[in-house]
Amino acid sequence: MDVVILFMGIIVAASILQTSTGFGFSIMATPFLLLLFEPREAIQINLVLSLIISLALIRKIRRDIDVLILKRLIKGSAFGLVVGIGIFLKVNTVQLKLAVSIVILLLTFLLMLSFRMKQTRRRDVFTGGISGALTTSIGMPGPPLLLYFAGTETEKEKIRATTLAFYLFIYSASLVMQMIVAGTDRTVWISSGIALPLVIIGLFLGQKLFKWVSPAKFKVITYIILLFTGCYLLVESTF
């Protein structure tokens, strides 16, 4: 029963975060799902549910999508996806998580100290590539996007819409590649089906929350998510 309650809480909280910010489901859900499922199952459940959320929201927010940035992110991710699946199969994921955690924490501290960067075509493509690699390797495409958009001070509406549109591509491609290369099982699909009503609840609550989140609060939420992700990956890879 405790496991069921934990699973329900994870899905609702992560769905609210994803809906209200445009990112965060994989960042919040994946660490806890890894406590309940095998790595392959946790990653695939995350991919399925994140894809459902993106599909449910994209029609309402499509006007806020920055199509040019979206195309560049997808272009970069096409290469990153292949690299990521190779990492998933051959590289020690503990060492990868350690490296990712250190980078996330360092960059987050720089952002908190008002470090900013200019948005360029090359940086768009590079960010998409890193995001793609992290999606197929550890199921977390969000941190690179979050760091990049925070550093360029992109508007919250554009962040949410462009990120969700990008997720439609990245999650679909990653799920197919995971299923082909690593396989899948009934646990993934049964658990995803059970979680679907919880995702709907999260979608409703997240939409309400988005209207009340000011740009300043949005920035604080961003830093909290990044610090949580970096600390979690650091602790997990170390201990």
C-alpha atoms as a PDB file:
ATOM      1  CA  MET A   1       0.000   0.000   0.000  1.00  0.00           C
ATOM      2  CA  ASP A   2       2.862   2.395   0.818  1.00  0.00           C
ATOM      3  CA  VAL A   3       4.334   1.772  -2.641  1.00  0.00           C
ATOM      4  CA  VAL A   4       0.984   2.510  -4.306  1.00  0.00           C
ATOM      5  CA  ILE A   5       0.560   5.771  -2.367  1.00  0.00           C
ATOM      6  CA  LEU A   6       4.118   6.821  -3.208  1.00  0.00           C
ATOM      7  CA  PHE A   7       3.535   6.040  -6.892  1.00  0.00           C
ATOM      8  CA  MET A   8       0.298   8.072  -6.923  1.00  0.00           C
ATOM      9  CA  GLY A   9       1.943  11.029  -5.192  1.00  0.00           C
ATOM     10  CA  ILE A  10       4.883  11.004  -7.601  1.00  0.00           C
ATOM     11  CA  ILE A  11       2.678  11.023 -10.702  1.00  0.00           C
ATOM     12  CA  VAL A  12       0.293  13.761  -9.498  1.00  0.00           C
ATOM     13  CA  ALA A  13       3.090  16.064  -8.303  1.00  0.00           C
ATOM     14  CA  ALA A  14       5.194  15.560 -11.437  1.00  0.00           C
ATOM     15  CA  SER A  15       2.156  16.104 -13.700  1.00  0.00           C
ATOM     16  CA  ILE A  16       1.327  19.380 -11.952  1.00  0.00           C
ATOM     17  CA  LEU A  17       4.916  20.547 -12.362  1.00  0.00           C
ATOM     18  CA  GLN A  18       5.050  19.575 -16.042  1.00  0.00           C
ATOM     19  CA  THR A  19       1.738  21.272 -16.823  1.00  0.00           C
ATOM     20  CA  SER A  20       2.475  24.496 -14.972  1.00  0.00           C
ATOM     21  CA  THR A  21       6.058  24.964 -16.198  1.00  0.00           C
ATOM     22  CA  GLY A  22       6.442  22.911 -19.392  1.00  0.00           C
ATOM     23  CA  PHE A  23       9.154  20.766 -17.862  1.00  0.00           C
ATOM     24  CA  GLY A  24       9.747  18.829 -14.710  1.00  0.00           C
ATOM     25  CA  PHE A  25       7.893  15.529 -15.062  1.00  0.00           C
ATOM     26  CA  SER A  26      11.001  13.514 -15.854  1.00  0.00           C
ATOM     27  CA  ILE A  27      13.101  15.599 -13.469  1.00  0.00           C
ATOM     28  CA  MET A  28      10.783  14.902 -10.544  1.00  0.00           C
ATOM     29  CA  ALA A  29       9.362  11.500 -11.459  1.00  0.00           C
ATOM     30  CA  THR A  30      12.386   9.577 -12.735  1.00  0.00           C
ATOM     31  CA  PRO A  31      14.420   9.608  -9.482  1.00  0.00           C
ATOM     32  CA  PHE A  32      11.467   8.252  -7.491  1.00  0.00           C
ATOM     33  CA  LEU A  33      10.327   5.818 -10.183  1.00  0.00           C
ATOM     34  CA  LEU A  34      13.826   4.335 -10.077  1.00  0.00           C
ATOM     35  CA  LEU A  35      13.122   3.427  -6.451  1.00  0.00           C
ATOM     36  CA  LEU A  36      10.033   1.438  -7.471  1.00  0.00           C
ATOM     37  CA  PHE A  37      10.961  -0.052 -10.856  1.00  0.00           C
ATOM     38  CA  GLU A  38      13.896  -1.394 -12.805  1.00  0.00           C
ATOM     39  CA  PRO A  39      15.804   1.375 -14.691  1.00  0.00           C
ATOM     40  CA  ARG A  40      14.415   0.394 -18.105  1.00  0.00           C
ATOM     41  CA  GLU A  41      10.846   0.301 -16.764  1.00  0.00           C
ATOM     42  CA  ALA A  42      11.192   3.616 -14.899  1.00  0.00           C
ATOM     43  CA  ILE A  43      12.552   5.384 -17.979  1.00  0.00           C
ATOM     44  CA  GLN A  44       9.852   3.991 -20.274  1.00  0.00           C
ATOM     45  CA  ILE A  45       6.996   4.817 -17.863  1.00  0.00           C
ATOM     46  CA  ASN A  46       8.376   8.342 -17.694  1.00  0.00           C
ATOM     47  CA  LEU A  47       8.501   8.573 -21.486  1.00  0.00           C
ATOM     48  CA  VAL A  48       4.932   7.297 -21.947  1.00  0.00           C
ATOM     49  CA  LEU A  49       3.369   9.621 -19.374  1.00  0.00           C
ATOM     50  CA  SER A  50       5.394  12.661 -20.454  1.00  0.00           C
ATOM     51  CA  LEU A  51       4.286  12.081 -24.029  1.00  0.00           C
ATOM     52  CA  ILE A  52       0.633  11.908 -22.952  1.00  0.00           C
ATOM     53  CA  ILE A  53       0.942  15.216 -21.068  1.00  0.00           C
ATOM     54  CA  SER A  54       2.533  16.934 -24.063  1.00  0.00           C
ATOM     55  CA  LEU A  55      -0.198  15.663 -26.388  1.00  0.00           C
ATOM     56  CA  ALA A  56      -2.917  16.833 -24.008  1.00  0.00           C
ATOM     57  CA  LEU A  57      -1.544  20.373 -23.679  1.00  0.00           C
ATOM     58  CA  ILE A  58      -0.041  21.236 -27.045  1.00  0.00           C
ATOM     59  CA  ARG A  59      -3.261  22.350 -28.737  1.00  0.00           C
ATOM     60  CA  LYS A  60      -4.035  24.964 -26.084  1.00  0.00           C
ATOM     61  CA  ILE A  61      -0.574  26.532 -26.067  1.00  0.00           C
ATOM     62  CA  ARG A  62       0.560  26.092 -29.672  1.00  0.00           C
ATOM     63  CA  ARG A  63       0.439  29.867 -30.330  1.00  0.00           C
ATOM     64  CA  ASP A  64       3.279  30.439 -27.855  1.00  0.00           C
ATOM     65  CA  ILE A  65       5.667  27.989 -29.583  1.00  0.00           C
ATOM     66  CA  ASP A  66       8.861  29.490 -30.989  1.00  0.00           C
ATOM     67  CA  VAL A  67       8.937  27.452 -34.186  1.00  0.00           C
ATOM     68  CA  LEU A  68      12.464  28.493 -35.167  1.00  0.00           C
ATOM     69  CA  ILE A  69      13.998  27.402 -31.862  1.00  0.00           C
ATOM     70  CA  LEU A  70      11.897  24.228 -31.919  1.00  0.00           C
ATOM     71  CA  LYS A  71      13.277  23.220 -35.324  1.00  0.00           C
ATOM     72  CA  ARG A  72      16.842  23.772 -34.129  1.00  0.00           C
ATOM     73  CA  LEU A  73      16.284  21.755 -30.955  1.00  0.00           C
ATOM     74  CA  ILE A  74      14.863  18.857 -32.971  1.00  0.00           C
ATOM     75  CA  LYS A  75      17.773  19.041 -35.424  1.00  0.00           C
ATOM     76  CA  GLY A  76      20.287  18.739 -32.617  1.00  0.00           C
ATOM     77  CA  SER A  77      18.368  16.036 -30.777  1.00  0.00           C
ATOM     78  CA  ALA A  78      18.311  13.717 -33.794  1.00  0.00           C
ATOM     79  CA  PHE A  79      22.038  13.129 -33.313  1.00  0.00           C
ATOM     80  CA  GLY A  80      21.829  13.206 -29.529  1.00  0.00           C
ATOM     81  CA  LEU A  81      19.239  10.428 -29.412  1.00  0.00           C
ATOM     82  CA  VAL A  82      21.615   8.018 -31.119  1.00  0.00           C
ATOM     83  CA  VAL A  83      24.485   8.985 -28.833  1.00  0.00           C
ATOM     84  CA  GLY A  84      22.248   8.576 -25.787  1.00  0.00           C
ATOM     85  CA  ILE A  85      21.106   5.063 -26.647  1.00  0.00           C
ATOM     86  CA  GLY A  86      24.751   4.082 -27.090  1.00  0.00           C
ATOM     87  CA  ILE A  87      25.516   5.499 -23.648  1.00  0.00           C
ATOM     88  CA  PHE A  88      22.555   3.607 -22.178  1.00  0.00           C
ATOM     89  CA  LEU A  89      23.870   0.299 -23.544  1.00  0.00           C
ATOM     90  CA  LYS A  90      27.618   0.653 -23.069  1.00  0.00           C
ATOM     91  CA  VAL A  91      28.622   3.421 -20.665  1.00  0.00           C
ATOM     92  CA  ASN A  92      28.565   3.214 -16.885  1.00  0.00           C
ATOM     93  CA  THR A  93      25.417   5.200 -16.050  1.00  0.00           C
ATOM     94  CA  VAL A  94      26.678   5.906 -12.519  1.00  0.00           C
ATOM     95  CA  GLN A  95      29.639   7.859 -13.894  1.00  0.00           C
ATOM     96  CA  LEU A  96      27.364   9.608 -16.387  1.00  0.00           C
ATOM     97  CA  LYS A  97      24.958  10.722 -13.642  1.00  0.00           C
ATOM     98  CA  LEU A  98      27.869  11.976 -11.554  1.00  0.00           C
ATOM     99  CA  ALA A  99      29.168  14.095 -14.421  1.00  0.00           C
ATOM    100  CA  VAL A 100      25.677  15.417 -15.258  1.00  0.00           C
ATOM    101  CA  SER A 101      24.997  16.299 -11.604  1.00  0.00           C
ATOM    102  CA  ILE A 102      28.210  18.331 -11.300  1.00  0.00           C
ATOM    103  CA  VAL A 103      27.488  20.246 -14.516  1.00  0.00           C
ATOM    104  CA  ILE A 104      23.886  20.970 -13.472  1.00  0.00           C
ATOM    105  CA  LEU A 105      24.905  22.249 -10.039  1.00  0.00           C
ATOM    106  CA  LEU A 106      27.727  24.436 -11.364  1.00  0.00           C
ATOM    107  CA  LEU A 107      25.553  25.999 -14.060  1.00  0.00           C
ATOM    108  CA  THR A 108      22.657  26.503 -11.640  1.00  0.00           C
ATOM    109  CA  PHE A 109      24.885  28.390  -9.219  1.00  0.00           C
ATOM    110  CA  LEU A 110      26.117  30.532 -12.125  1.00  0.00           C
ATOM    111  CA  LEU A 111      22.520  31.334 -13.083  1.00  0.00           C
ATOM    112  CA  MET A 112      21.691  32.236  -9.482  1.00  0.00           C
ATOM    113  CA  LEU A 113      24.642  34.650  -9.587  1.00  0.00           C
ATOM    114  CA  SER A 114      22.989  36.336 -12.607  1.00  0.00           C
ATOM    115  CA  PHE A 115      25.124  34.687 -15.290  1.00  0.00           C
ATOM    116  CA  ARG A 116      23.323  35.060 -18.628  1.00  0.00           C
ATOM    117  CA  MET A 117      23.976  33.946 -22.186  1.00  0.00           C
ATOM    118  CA  LYS A 118      22.798  35.021 -25.618  1.00  0.00           C
ATOM    119  CA  GLN A 119      20.497  32.729 -27.567  1.00  0.00           C
ATOM    120  CA  THR A 120      22.083  31.678 -30.881  1.00  0.00           C
ATOM    121  CA  ARG A 121      21.433  29.114 -33.600  1.00  0.00           C
ATOM    122  CA  ARG A 122      24.409  26.955 -32.612  1.00  0.00           C
ATOM    123  CA  ARG A 123      23.446  26.973 -28.959  1.00  0.00           C
ATOM    124  CA  ASP A 124      19.887  25.965 -29.858  1.00  0.00           C
ATOM    125  CA  VAL A 125      21.173  22.961 -31.813  1.00  0.00           C
ATOM    126  CA  PHE A 126      23.731  22.044 -29.137  1.00  0.00           C
ATOM    127  CA  THR A 127      21.097  22.184 -26.380  1.00  0.00           C
ATOM    128  CA  GLY A 128      18.826  19.931 -28.420  1.00  0.00           C
ATOM    129  CA  GLY A 129      21.659  17.464 -28.873  1.00  0.00           C
ATOM    130  CA  ILE A 130      22.452  17.269 -25.155  1.00  0.00           C
ATOM    131  CA  SER A 131      18.757  16.947 -24.345  1.00  0.00           C
ATOM    132  CA  GLY A 132      18.371  14.099 -26.834  1.00  0.00           C
ATOM    133  CA  ALA A 133      21.366  12.245 -25.416  1.00  0.00           C
ATOM    134  CA  LEU A 134      20.064  12.524 -21.851  1.00  0.00           C
ATOM    135  CA  THR A 135      16.593  11.364 -22.902  1.00  0.00           C
ATOM    136  CA  THR A 136      17.643   7.975 -24.267  1.00  0.00           C
ATOM    137  CA  SER A 137      20.416   7.459 -21.695  1.00  0.00           C
ATOM    138  CA  ILE A 138      18.801   8.405 -18.361  1.00  0.00           C
ATOM    139  CA  GLY A 139      15.303   9.614 -19.333  1.00  0.00           C
ATOM    140  CA  MET A 140      15.894  13.278 -18.381  1.00  0.00           C
ATOM    141  CA  PRO A 141      15.720  15.731 -21.317  1.00  0.00           C
ATOM    142  CA  GLY A 142      14.699  18.671 -19.144  1.00  0.00           C
ATOM    143  CA  PRO A 143      17.897  19.962 -17.437  1.00  0.00           C
ATOM    144  CA  PRO A 144      19.692  21.208 -20.610  1.00  0.00           C
ATOM    145  CA  LEU A 145      16.554  23.004 -21.817  1.00  0.00           C
ATOM    146  CA  LEU A 146      15.878  24.436 -18.398  1.00  0.00           C
ATOM    147  CA  LEU A 147      19.433  25.718 -17.972  1.00  0.00           C
ATOM    148  CA  TYR A 148      19.511  27.200 -21.476  1.00  0.00           C
ATOM    149  CA  PHE A 149      16.144  28.946 -21.326  1.00  0.00           C
ATOM    150  CA  ALA A 150      16.877  30.279 -17.839  1.00  0.00           C
ATOM    151  CA  GLY A 151      20.226  31.614 -19.001  1.00  0.00           C
ATOM    152  CA  THR A 152      18.657  33.392 -21.989  1.00  0.00           C
ATOM    153  CA  GLU A 153      15.777  34.710 -19.847  1.00  0.00           C
ATOM    154  CA  THR A 154      13.082  33.355 -22.163  1.00  0.00           C
ATOM    155  CA  GLU A 155       9.456  34.192 -21.296  1.00  0.00           C
ATOM    156  CA  LYS A 156       7.669  31.504 -19.272  1.00  0.00           C
ATOM    157  CA  GLU A 157       4.891  31.096 -21.875  1.00  0.00           C
ATOM    158  CA  LYS A 158       7.421  30.488 -24.638  1.00  0.00           C
ATOM    159  CA  ILE A 159       9.402  28.088 -22.445  1.00  0.00           C
ATOM    160  CA  ARG A 160       6.362  25.978 -21.635  1.00  0.00           C
ATOM    161  CA  ALA A 161       5.003  25.824 -25.188  1.00  0.00           C
ATOM    162  CA  THR A 162       8.316  25.264 -27.008  1.00  0.00           C
ATOM    163  CA  THR A 163       9.492  22.662 -24.495  1.00  0.00           C
ATOM    164  CA  LEU A 164       6.244  20.678 -24.670  1.00  0.00           C
ATOM    165  CA  ALA A 165       6.315  20.761 -28.477  1.00  0.00           C
ATOM    166  CA  PHE A 166       9.909  19.532 -28.420  1.00  0.00           C
ATOM    167  CA  TYR A 167       8.913  16.748 -26.020  1.00  0.00           C
ATOM    168  CA  LEU A 168       6.388  15.434 -28.537  1.00  0.00           C
ATOM    169  CA  PHE A 169       9.280  14.585 -30.835  1.00  0.00           C
ATOM    170  CA  ILE A 170      11.931  13.643 -28.303  1.00  0.00           C
ATOM    171  CA  TYR A 171       9.740  11.372 -26.174  1.00  0.00           C
ATOM    172  CA  SER A 172       8.187   9.599 -29.167  1.00  0.00           C
ATOM    173  CA  ALA A 173      11.573   8.918 -30.745  1.00  0.00           C
ATOM    174  CA  SER A 174      13.157   7.902 -27.433  1.00  0.00           C
ATOM    175  CA  LEU A 175      10.345   5.497 -26.557  1.00  0.00           C
ATOM    176  CA  VAL A 176      10.567   3.771 -29.943  1.00  0.00           C
ATOM    177  CA  MET A 177      14.343   3.472 -29.679  1.00  0.00           C
ATOM    178  CA  GLN A 178      14.139   2.164 -26.121  1.00  0.00           C
ATOM    179  CA  MET A 179      11.581  -0.478 -27.115  1.00  0.00           C
ATOM    180  CA  ILE A 180      13.603  -1.608 -30.138  1.00  0.00           C
ATOM    181  CA  VAL A 181      16.991  -1.710 -28.433  1.00  0.00           C
ATOM    182  CA  ALA A 182      16.163  -2.525 -24.797  1.00  0.00           C
ATOM    183  CA  GLY A 183      12.708  -4.117 -25.162  1.00  0.00           C
ATOM    184  CA  THR A 184       9.654  -3.494 -22.976  1.00  0.00           C
ATOM    185  CA  ASP A 185       7.258  -5.453 -20.756  1.00  0.00           C
ATOM    186  CA  ARG A 186       3.754  -5.439 -19.305  1.00  0.00           C
ATOM    187  CA  THR A 187       4.799  -3.584 -16.162  1.00  0.00           C
ATOM    188  CA  VAL A 188       5.504  -0.455 -18.205  1.00  0.00           C
ATOM    189  CA  TRP A 189       2.100  -0.370 -19.870  1.00  0.00           C
ATOM    190  CA  ILE A 190       0.026  -1.510 -16.877  1.00  0.00           C
ATOM    191  CA  SER A 191       1.692   1.064 -14.618  1.00  0.00           C
ATOM    192  CA  SER A 192       1.224   3.776 -17.252  1.00  0.00           C
ATOM    193  CA  GLY A 193      -2.465   2.867 -17.554  1.00  0.00           C
ATOM    194  CA  ILE A 194      -2.934   3.040 -13.790  1.00  0.00           C
ATOM    195  CA  ALA A 195      -1.201   6.429 -13.728  1.00  0.00           C
ATOM    196  CA  LEU A 196      -3.357   7.956 -16.494  1.00  0.00           C
ATOM    197  CA  PRO A 197      -6.217   9.197 -14.209  1.00  0.00           C
ATOM    198  CA  LEU A 198      -3.587  10.723 -11.919  1.00  0.00           C
ATOM    199  CA  VAL A 199      -2.032  12.532 -14.878  1.00  0.00           C
ATOM    200  CA  ILE A 200      -5.441  13.999 -15.746  1.00  0.00           C
ATOM    201  CA  ILE A 201      -5.761  15.346 -12.198  1.00  0.00           C
ATOM    202  CA  GLY A 202      -2.276  16.834 -12.470  1.00  0.00           C
ATOM    203  CA  LEU A 203      -3.132  18.430 -15.816  1.00  0.00           C
ATOM    204  CA  PHE A 204      -6.148  20.179 -14.316  1.00  0.00           C
ATOM    205  CA  LEU A 205      -4.321  21.442 -11.228  1.00  0.00           C
ATOM    206  CA  GLY A 206      -1.233  22.461 -13.208  1.00  0.00           C
ATOM    207  CA  GLN A 207      -3.251  24.615 -15.610  1.00  0.00           C
ATOM    208  CA  LYS A 208      -4.764  26.448 -12.664  1.00  0.00           C
ATOM    209  CA  LEU A 209      -1.358  26.941 -11.056  1.00  0.00           C
ATOM    210  CA  PHE A 210       0.239  28.331 -14.239  1.00  0.00           C
ATOM    211  CA  LYS A 211      -2.050  31.365 -14.171  1.00  0.00           C
ATOM    212  CA  TRP A 212      -0.821  32.290 -10.685  1.00  0.00           C
ATOM    213  CA  VAL A 213       2.923  31.816 -11.267  1.00  0.00           C
ATOM    214  CA  SER A 214       4.665  35.157 -11.817  1.00  0.00           C
ATOM    215  CA  PRO A 215       7.968  35.377 -13.758  1.00  0.00           C
ATOM    216  CA  ALA A 216       9.849  35.815 -10.461  1.00  0.00           C
ATOM    217  CA  LYS A 217       8.233  32.736  -8.917  1.00  0.00           C
ATOM    218  CA  PHE A 218       8.827  30.832 -12.150  1.00  0.00           C
ATOM    219  CA  LYS A 219      12.539  31.592 -11.870  1.00  0.00           C
ATOM    220  CA  VAL A 220      12.630  30.394  -8.251  1.00  0.00           C
ATOM    221  CA  ILE A 221      10.837  27.149  -9.217  1.00  0.00           C
ATOM    222  CA  THR A 222      13.392  26.669 -11.989  1.00  0.00           C
ATOM    223  CA  TYR A 223      16.322  26.940  -9.597  1.00  0.00           C
ATOM    224  CA  ILE A 224      14.702  24.615  -7.065  1.00  0.00           C
ATOM    225  CA  ILE A 225      14.105  21.948  -9.716  1.00  0.00           C
ATOM    226  CA  LEU A 226      17.659  22.194 -11.022  1.00  0.00           C
ATOM    227  CA  LEU A 227      19.198  22.043  -7.549  1.00  0.00           C
ATOM    228  CA  PHE A 228      17.024  19.063  -6.632  1.00  0.00           C
ATOM    229  CA  THR A 229      17.983  17.226  -9.820  1.00  0.00           C
ATOM    230  CA  GLY A 230      21.689  17.943  -9.443  1.00  0.00           C
ATOM    231  CA  CYS A 231      21.756  16.927  -5.769  1.00  0.00           C
ATOM    232  CA  TYR A 232      19.759  13.763  -6.398  1.00  0.00           C
ATOM    233  CA  LEU A 233      22.013  12.596  -9.224  1.00  0.00           C
ATOM    234  CA  LEU A 234      25.106  13.455  -7.192  1.00  0.00           C
ATOM    235  CA  VAL A 235      23.946  11.503  -4.142  1.00  0.00           C
ATOM    236  CA  GLU A 236      22.729   8.540  -6.189  1.00  0.00           C
ATOM    237  CA  SER A 237      25.937   8.260  -8.213  1.00  0.00           C
ATOM    238  CA  THR A 238      28.138   8.691  -5.135  1.00  0.00           C
ATOM    239  CA  PHE A 239      26.417   6.354  -2.674  1.00  0.00           C
END
